[in-house]
Amino acid sequence: MTWTWRLEDTEGNPVDAGELARSEFPSQSDAESWIGEIWRDLVQTGVDQVTLLEAGREVYGPMSLHPQE
């Protein structure tokens, strides 16, 4: 199975994060580790929320990348 993140704005529209976007991960933990390391950089490129997909199936999300107040 492959794991991917769908990168979105606040309206759920896709966001192109350029070189920061990584297309596939071999496991859920690899995908989650990556988002934990790179989320601040993604926010700077216009990504507001992400959804985790396993082989195209939504696992969870959308999850905001902005700190809760």
PDB file of N, CA and C in Angstrom:
ATOM      1  N   MET A   1       0.830  -1.183   0.000  1.00  0.00           N
ATOM      2  CA  MET A   1       0.000   0.000   0.000  1.00  0.00           C
ATOM      3  C   MET A   1       0.877   1.249   0.000  1.00  0.00           C
ATOM      4  N   THR A   2       0.379   2.276  -0.611  1.00  0.00           N
ATOM      5  CA  THR A   2       1.079   3.555  -0.583  1.00  0.00           C
ATOM      6  C   THR A   2       0.256   4.568   0.199  1.00  0.00           C
ATOM      7  N   TRP A   3       0.945   5.436   0.878  1.00  0.00           N
ATOM      8  CA  TRP A   3       0.338   6.475   1.688  1.00  0.00           C
ATOM      9  C   TRP A   3       0.702   7.821   1.084  1.00  0.00           C
ATOM     10  N   THR A   4      -0.269   8.716   1.003  1.00  0.00           N
ATOM     11  CA  THR A   4      -0.031  10.049   0.452  1.00  0.00           C
ATOM     12  C   THR A   4      -0.796  11.081   1.273  1.00  0.00           C
ATOM     13  N   TRP A   5      -0.355  12.324   1.143  1.00  0.00           N
ATOM     14  CA  TRP A   5      -1.064  13.450   1.743  1.00  0.00           C
ATOM     15  C   TRP A   5      -1.698  14.269   0.635  1.00  0.00           C
ATOM     16  N   ARG A   6      -2.945  14.644   0.823  1.00  0.00           N
ATOM     17  CA  ARG A   6      -3.584  15.609  -0.062  1.00  0.00           C
ATOM     18  C   ARG A   6      -3.425  16.967   0.615  1.00  0.00           C
ATOM     19  N   LEU A   7      -2.769  17.888  -0.067  1.00  0.00           N
ATOM     20  CA  LEU A   7      -2.486  19.220   0.467  1.00  0.00           C
ATOM     21  C   LEU A   7      -3.573  20.173  -0.003  1.00  0.00           C
ATOM     22  N   GLU A   8      -4.189  20.906   0.939  1.00  0.00           N
ATOM     23  CA  GLU A   8      -5.363  21.711   0.610  1.00  0.00           C
ATOM     24  C   GLU A   8      -5.299  23.097   1.236  1.00  0.00           C
ATOM     25  N   ASP A   9      -6.095  24.033   0.662  1.00  0.00           N
ATOM     26  CA  ASP A   9      -6.314  25.321   1.304  1.00  0.00           C
ATOM     27  C   ASP A   9      -7.501  25.167   2.256  1.00  0.00           C
ATOM     28  N   THR A  10      -7.938  26.256   2.886  1.00  0.00           N
ATOM     29  CA  THR A  10      -9.034  26.155   3.862  1.00  0.00           C
ATOM     30  C   THR A  10     -10.361  25.735   3.247  1.00  0.00           C
ATOM     31  N   GLU A  11     -10.501  25.912   1.937  1.00  0.00           N
ATOM     32  CA  GLU A  11     -11.737  25.522   1.244  1.00  0.00           C
ATOM     33  C   GLU A  11     -11.692  24.080   0.739  1.00  0.00           C
ATOM     34  N   GLY A  12     -10.564  23.401   0.927  1.00  0.00           N
ATOM     35  CA  GLY A  12     -10.426  22.025   0.462  1.00  0.00           C
ATOM     36  C   GLY A  12      -9.906  21.902  -0.955  1.00  0.00           C
ATOM     37  N   ASN A  13      -9.466  23.027  -1.530  1.00  0.00           N
ATOM     38  CA  ASN A  13      -8.900  23.000  -2.881  1.00  0.00           C
ATOM     39  C   ASN A  13      -7.447  22.540  -2.828  1.00  0.00           C
ATOM     40  N   PRO A  14      -7.001  21.796  -3.825  1.00  0.00           N
ATOM     41  CA  PRO A  14      -5.610  21.342  -3.850  1.00  0.00           C
ATOM     42  C   PRO A  14      -4.637  22.515  -3.888  1.00  0.00           C
ATOM     43  N   VAL A  15      -3.514  22.345  -3.200  1.00  0.00           N
ATOM     44  CA  VAL A  15      -2.441  23.339  -3.194  1.00  0.00           C
ATOM     45  C   VAL A  15      -1.181  22.671  -3.723  1.00  0.00           C
ATOM     46  N   ASP A  16      -0.521  23.339  -4.652  1.00  0.00           N
ATOM     47  CA  ASP A  16       0.754  22.845  -5.177  1.00  0.00           C
ATOM     48  C   ASP A  16       1.870  23.384  -4.295  1.00  0.00           C
ATOM     49  N   ALA A  17       2.500  22.514  -3.520  1.00  0.00           N
ATOM     50  CA  ALA A  17       3.577  22.919  -2.622  1.00  0.00           C
ATOM     51  C   ALA A  17       4.943  22.791  -3.280  1.00  0.00           C
ATOM     52  N   GLY A  18       4.953  22.574  -4.579  1.00  0.00           N
ATOM     53  CA  GLY A  18       6.213  22.515  -5.316  1.00  0.00           C
ATOM     54  C   GLY A  18       7.121  21.409  -4.835  1.00  0.00           C
ATOM     55  N   GLU A  19       8.365  21.753  -4.617  1.00  0.00           N
ATOM     56  CA  GLU A  19       9.374  20.765  -4.223  1.00  0.00           C
ATOM     57  C   GLU A  19       9.144  20.189  -2.829  1.00  0.00           C
ATOM     58  N   LEU A  20       8.339  20.870  -2.018  1.00  0.00           N
ATOM     59  CA  LEU A  20       8.067  20.360  -0.664  1.00  0.00           C
ATOM     60  C   LEU A  20       7.136  19.158  -0.675  1.00  0.00           C
ATOM     61  N   ALA A  21       6.326  19.045  -1.704  1.00  0.00           N
ATOM     62  CA  ALA A  21       5.363  17.942  -1.768  1.00  0.00           C
ATOM     63  C   ALA A  21       6.088  16.633  -2.032  1.00  0.00           C
ATOM     64  N   ARG A  22       5.766  15.650  -1.252  1.00  0.00           N
ATOM     65  CA  ARG A  22       6.324  14.313  -1.455  1.00  0.00           C
ATOM     66  C   ARG A  22       5.165  13.418  -1.828  1.00  0.00           C
ATOM     67  N   SER A  23       5.310  12.669  -2.892  1.00  0.00           N
ATOM     68  CA  SER A  23       4.157  11.965  -3.431  1.00  0.00           C
ATOM     69  C   SER A  23       3.736  10.710  -2.666  1.00  0.00           C
ATOM     70  N   GLU A  24       4.672   9.839  -2.283  1.00  0.00           N
ATOM     71  CA  GLU A  24       4.274   8.569  -1.681  1.00  0.00           C
ATOM     72  C   GLU A  24       5.171   8.177  -0.521  1.00  0.00           C
ATOM     73  N   PHE A  25       4.580   7.427   0.406  1.00  0.00           N
ATOM     74  CA  PHE A  25       5.305   6.912   1.567  1.00  0.00           C
ATOM     75  C   PHE A  25       5.000   5.426   1.705  1.00  0.00           C
ATOM     76  N   PRO A  26       5.949   4.622   2.194  1.00  0.00           N
ATOM     77  CA  PRO A  26       5.722   3.184   2.302  1.00  0.00           C
ATOM     78  C   PRO A  26       4.831   2.785   3.475  1.00  0.00           C
ATOM     79  N   SER A  27       4.665   3.680   4.475  1.00  0.00           N
ATOM     80  CA  SER A  27       3.850   3.333   5.635  1.00  0.00           C
ATOM     81  C   SER A  27       3.169   4.578   6.193  1.00  0.00           C
ATOM     82  N   GLN A  28       2.158   4.361   7.014  1.00  0.00           N
ATOM     83  CA  GLN A  28       1.462   5.466   7.656  1.00  0.00           C
ATOM     84  C   GLN A  28       2.411   6.223   8.571  1.00  0.00           C
ATOM     85  N   SER A  29       3.241   5.510   9.312  1.00  0.00           N
ATOM     86  CA  SER A  29       4.155   6.189  10.231  1.00  0.00           C
ATOM     87  C   SER A  29       5.174   7.052   9.489  1.00  0.00           C
ATOM     88  N   ASP A  30       5.631   6.613   8.316  1.00  0.00           N
ATOM     89  CA  ASP A  30       6.543   7.440   7.521  1.00  0.00           C
ATOM     90  C   ASP A  30       5.846   8.715   7.059  1.00  0.00           C
ATOM     91  N   ALA A  31       4.600   8.586   6.620  1.00  0.00           N
ATOM     92  CA  ALA A  31       3.834   9.750   6.172  1.00  0.00           C
ATOM     93  C   ALA A  31       3.607  10.718   7.330  1.00  0.00           C
ATOM     94  N   GLU A  32       3.259  10.192   8.491  1.00  0.00           N
ATOM     95  CA  GLU A  32       2.999  11.050   9.646  1.00  0.00           C
ATOM     96  C   GLU A  32       4.275  11.694  10.170  1.00  0.00           C
ATOM     97  N   SER A  33       5.374  10.991  10.130  1.00  0.00           N
ATOM     98  CA  SER A  33       6.653  11.583  10.542  1.00  0.00           C
ATOM     99  C   SER A  33       7.030  12.730   9.626  1.00  0.00           C
ATOM    100  N   TRP A  34       6.846  12.521   8.327  1.00  0.00           N
ATOM    101  CA  TRP A  34       7.170  13.558   7.347  1.00  0.00           C
ATOM    102  C   TRP A  34       6.347  14.812   7.584  1.00  0.00           C
ATOM    103  N   ILE A  35       5.042  14.664   7.774  1.00  0.00           N
ATOM    104  CA  ILE A  35       4.187  15.848   7.963  1.00  0.00           C
ATOM    105  C   ILE A  35       4.561  16.559   9.263  1.00  0.00           C
ATOM    106  N   GLY A  36       4.969  15.799  10.274  1.00  0.00           N
ATOM    107  CA  GLY A  36       5.400  16.395  11.536  1.00  0.00           C
ATOM    108  C   GLY A  36       6.662  17.225  11.399  1.00  0.00           C
ATOM    109  N   GLU A  37       7.507  16.867  10.456  1.00  0.00           N
ATOM    110  CA  GLU A  37       8.760  17.592  10.232  1.00  0.00           C
ATOM    111  C   GLU A  37       8.592  18.791   9.304  1.00  0.00           C
ATOM    112  N   ILE A  38       7.661  18.725   8.373  1.00  0.00           N
ATOM    113  CA  ILE A  38       7.599  19.713   7.279  1.00  0.00           C
ATOM    114  C   ILE A  38       6.386  20.644   7.336  1.00  0.00           C
ATOM    115  N   TRP A  39       5.489  20.471   8.301  1.00  0.00           N
ATOM    116  CA  TRP A  39       4.218  21.202   8.278  1.00  0.00           C
ATOM    117  C   TRP A  39       4.397  22.719   8.270  1.00  0.00           C
ATOM    118  N   ARG A  40       5.385  23.247   8.978  1.00  0.00           N
ATOM    119  CA  ARG A  40       5.580  24.706   9.003  1.00  0.00           C
ATOM    120  C   ARG A  40       5.945  25.227   7.615  1.00  0.00           C
ATOM    121  N   ASP A  41       6.781  24.488   6.916  1.00  0.00           N
ATOM    122  CA  ASP A  41       7.171  24.880   5.558  1.00  0.00           C
ATOM    123  C   ASP A  41       5.973  24.817   4.613  1.00  0.00           C
ATOM    124  N   LEU A  42       5.121  23.815   4.794  1.00  0.00           N
ATOM    125  CA  LEU A  42       3.929  23.701   3.960  1.00  0.00           C
ATOM    126  C   LEU A  42       2.994  24.887   4.175  1.00  0.00           C
ATOM    127  N   VAL A  43       2.823  25.302   5.420  1.00  0.00           N
ATOM    128  CA  VAL A  43       1.976  26.463   5.715  1.00  0.00           C
ATOM    129  C   VAL A  43       2.501  27.692   4.982  1.00  0.00           C
ATOM    130  N   GLN A  44       3.800  27.854   4.933  1.00  0.00           N
ATOM    131  CA  GLN A  44       4.397  29.016   4.253  1.00  0.00           C
ATOM    132  C   GLN A  44       4.149  28.989   2.748  1.00  0.00           C
ATOM    133  N   THR A  45       3.865  27.828   2.177  1.00  0.00           N
ATOM    134  CA  THR A  45       3.579  27.743   0.740  1.00  0.00           C
ATOM    135  C   THR A  45       2.087  27.828   0.442  1.00  0.00           C
ATOM    136  N   GLY A  46       1.251  27.998   1.497  1.00  0.00           N
ATOM    137  CA  GLY A  46      -0.182  28.152   1.279  1.00  0.00           C
ATOM    138  C   GLY A  46      -1.022  26.941   1.617  1.00  0.00           C
ATOM    139  N   VAL A  47      -0.422  25.896   2.172  1.00  0.00           N
ATOM    140  CA  VAL A  47      -1.186  24.715   2.584  1.00  0.00           C
ATOM    141  C   VAL A  47      -1.801  25.006   3.951  1.00  0.00           C
ATOM    142  N   ASP A  48      -3.104  24.847   4.076  1.00  0.00           N
ATOM    143  CA  ASP A  48      -3.804  25.091   5.334  1.00  0.00           C
ATOM    144  C   ASP A  48      -4.192  23.812   6.054  1.00  0.00           C
ATOM    145  N   GLN A  49      -4.445  22.753   5.275  1.00  0.00           N
ATOM    146  CA  GLN A  49      -4.894  21.500   5.865  1.00  0.00           C
ATOM    147  C   GLN A  49      -4.444  20.340   4.989  1.00  0.00           C
ATOM    148  N   VAL A  50      -4.425  19.150   5.593  1.00  0.00           N
ATOM    149  CA  VAL A  50      -4.002  17.951   4.871  1.00  0.00           C
ATOM    150  C   VAL A  50      -4.960  16.803   5.172  1.00  0.00           C
ATOM    151  N   THR A  51      -5.033  15.876   4.230  1.00  0.00           N
ATOM    152  CA  THR A  51      -5.815  14.656   4.407  1.00  0.00           C
ATOM    153  C   THR A  51      -4.903  13.480   4.062  1.00  0.00           C
ATOM    154  N   LEU A  52      -4.872  12.479   4.947  1.00  0.00           N
ATOM    155  CA  LEU A  52      -4.048  11.294   4.719  1.00  0.00           C
ATOM    156  C   LEU A  52      -4.841  10.267   3.913  1.00  0.00           C
ATOM    157  N   LEU A  53      -4.197   9.733   2.887  1.00  0.00           N
ATOM    158  CA  LEU A  53      -4.812   8.731   2.018  1.00  0.00           C
ATOM    159  C   LEU A  53      -3.983   7.447   2.014  1.00  0.00           C
ATOM    160  N   GLU A  54      -4.667   6.321   2.040  1.00  0.00           N
ATOM    161  CA  GLU A  54      -4.019   5.018   1.855  1.00  0.00           C
ATOM    162  C   GLU A  54      -4.555   4.445   0.560  1.00  0.00           C
ATOM    163  N   ALA A  55      -3.681   4.318  -0.438  1.00  0.00           N
ATOM    164  CA  ALA A  55      -4.077   3.815  -1.754  1.00  0.00           C
ATOM    165  C   ALA A  55      -5.305   4.551  -2.288  1.00  0.00           C
ATOM    166  N   GLY A  56      -5.355   5.873  -2.073  1.00  0.00           N
ATOM    167  CA  GLY A  56      -6.451   6.688  -2.565  1.00  0.00           C
ATOM    168  C   GLY A  56      -7.666   6.781  -1.664  1.00  0.00           C
ATOM    169  N   ARG A  57      -7.697   6.003  -0.584  1.00  0.00           N
ATOM    170  CA  ARG A  57      -8.836   6.013   0.359  1.00  0.00           C
ATOM    171  C   ARG A  57      -8.516   6.953   1.514  1.00  0.00           C
ATOM    172  N   GLU A  58      -9.457   7.850   1.848  1.00  0.00           N
ATOM    173  CA  GLU A  58      -9.241   8.774   2.957  1.00  0.00           C
ATOM    174  C   GLU A  58      -9.162   8.015   4.272  1.00  0.00           C
ATOM    175  N   VAL A  59      -8.076   8.239   5.007  1.00  0.00           N
ATOM    176  CA  VAL A  59      -7.901   7.617   6.312  1.00  0.00           C
ATOM    177  C   VAL A  59      -8.348   8.595   7.398  1.00  0.00           C
ATOM    178  N   TYR A  60      -7.862   9.822   7.325  1.00  0.00           N
ATOM    179  CA  TYR A  60      -8.347  10.885   8.203  1.00  0.00           C
ATOM    180  C   TYR A  60      -8.032  12.238   7.611  1.00  0.00           C
ATOM    181  N   GLY A  61      -8.747  13.219   8.121  1.00  0.00           N
ATOM    182  CA  GLY A  61      -8.593  14.574   7.638  1.00  0.00           C
ATOM    183  C   GLY A  61      -9.913  15.107   7.158  1.00  0.00           C
ATOM    184  N   PRO A  62      -9.964  16.350   6.809  1.00  0.00           N
ATOM    185  CA  PRO A  62      -8.808  17.238   6.781  1.00  0.00           C
ATOM    186  C   PRO A  62      -8.343  17.628   8.185  1.00  0.00           C
ATOM    187  N   MET A  63      -7.022  17.776   8.310  1.00  0.00           N
ATOM    188  CA  MET A  63      -6.378  18.149   9.557  1.00  0.00           C
ATOM    189  C   MET A  63      -5.691  19.489   9.325  1.00  0.00           C
ATOM    190  N   SER A  64      -6.048  20.468  10.136  1.00  0.00           N
ATOM    191  CA  SER A  64      -5.468  21.797  10.008  1.00  0.00           C
ATOM    192  C   SER A  64      -3.975  21.772  10.365  1.00  0.00           C
ATOM    193  N   LEU A  65      -3.201  22.575   9.648  1.00  0.00           N
ATOM    194  CA  LEU A  65      -1.783  22.723   9.966  1.00  0.00           C
ATOM    195  C   LEU A  65      -1.522  23.965  10.799  1.00  0.00           C
ATOM    196  N   HIS A  66      -2.590  24.682  11.136  1.00  0.00           N
ATOM    197  CA  HIS A  66      -2.455  25.904  11.931  1.00  0.00           C
ATOM    198  C   HIS A  66      -2.644  25.594  13.403  1.00  0.00           C
ATOM    199  N   PRO A  67      -1.821  26.201  14.263  1.00  0.00           N
ATOM    200  CA  PRO A  67      -1.983  25.989  15.706  1.00  0.00           C
ATOM    201  C   PRO A  67      -3.362  26.438  16.177  1.00  0.00           C
ATOM    202  N   GLN A  68      -3.932  25.702  17.098  1.00  0.00           N
ATOM    203  CA  GLN A  68      -5.238  26.077  17.638  1.00  0.00           C
ATOM    204  C   GLN A  68      -5.053  27.184  18.671  1.00  0.00           C
ATOM    205  N   GLU A  69      -5.975  28.101  18.669  1.00  0.00           N
ATOM    206  CA  GLU A  69      -5.886  29.229  19.598  1.00  0.00           C
ATOM    207  C   GLU A  69      -6.644  28.938  20.862  1.00  0.00           C
TER     208      GLU A  69
END
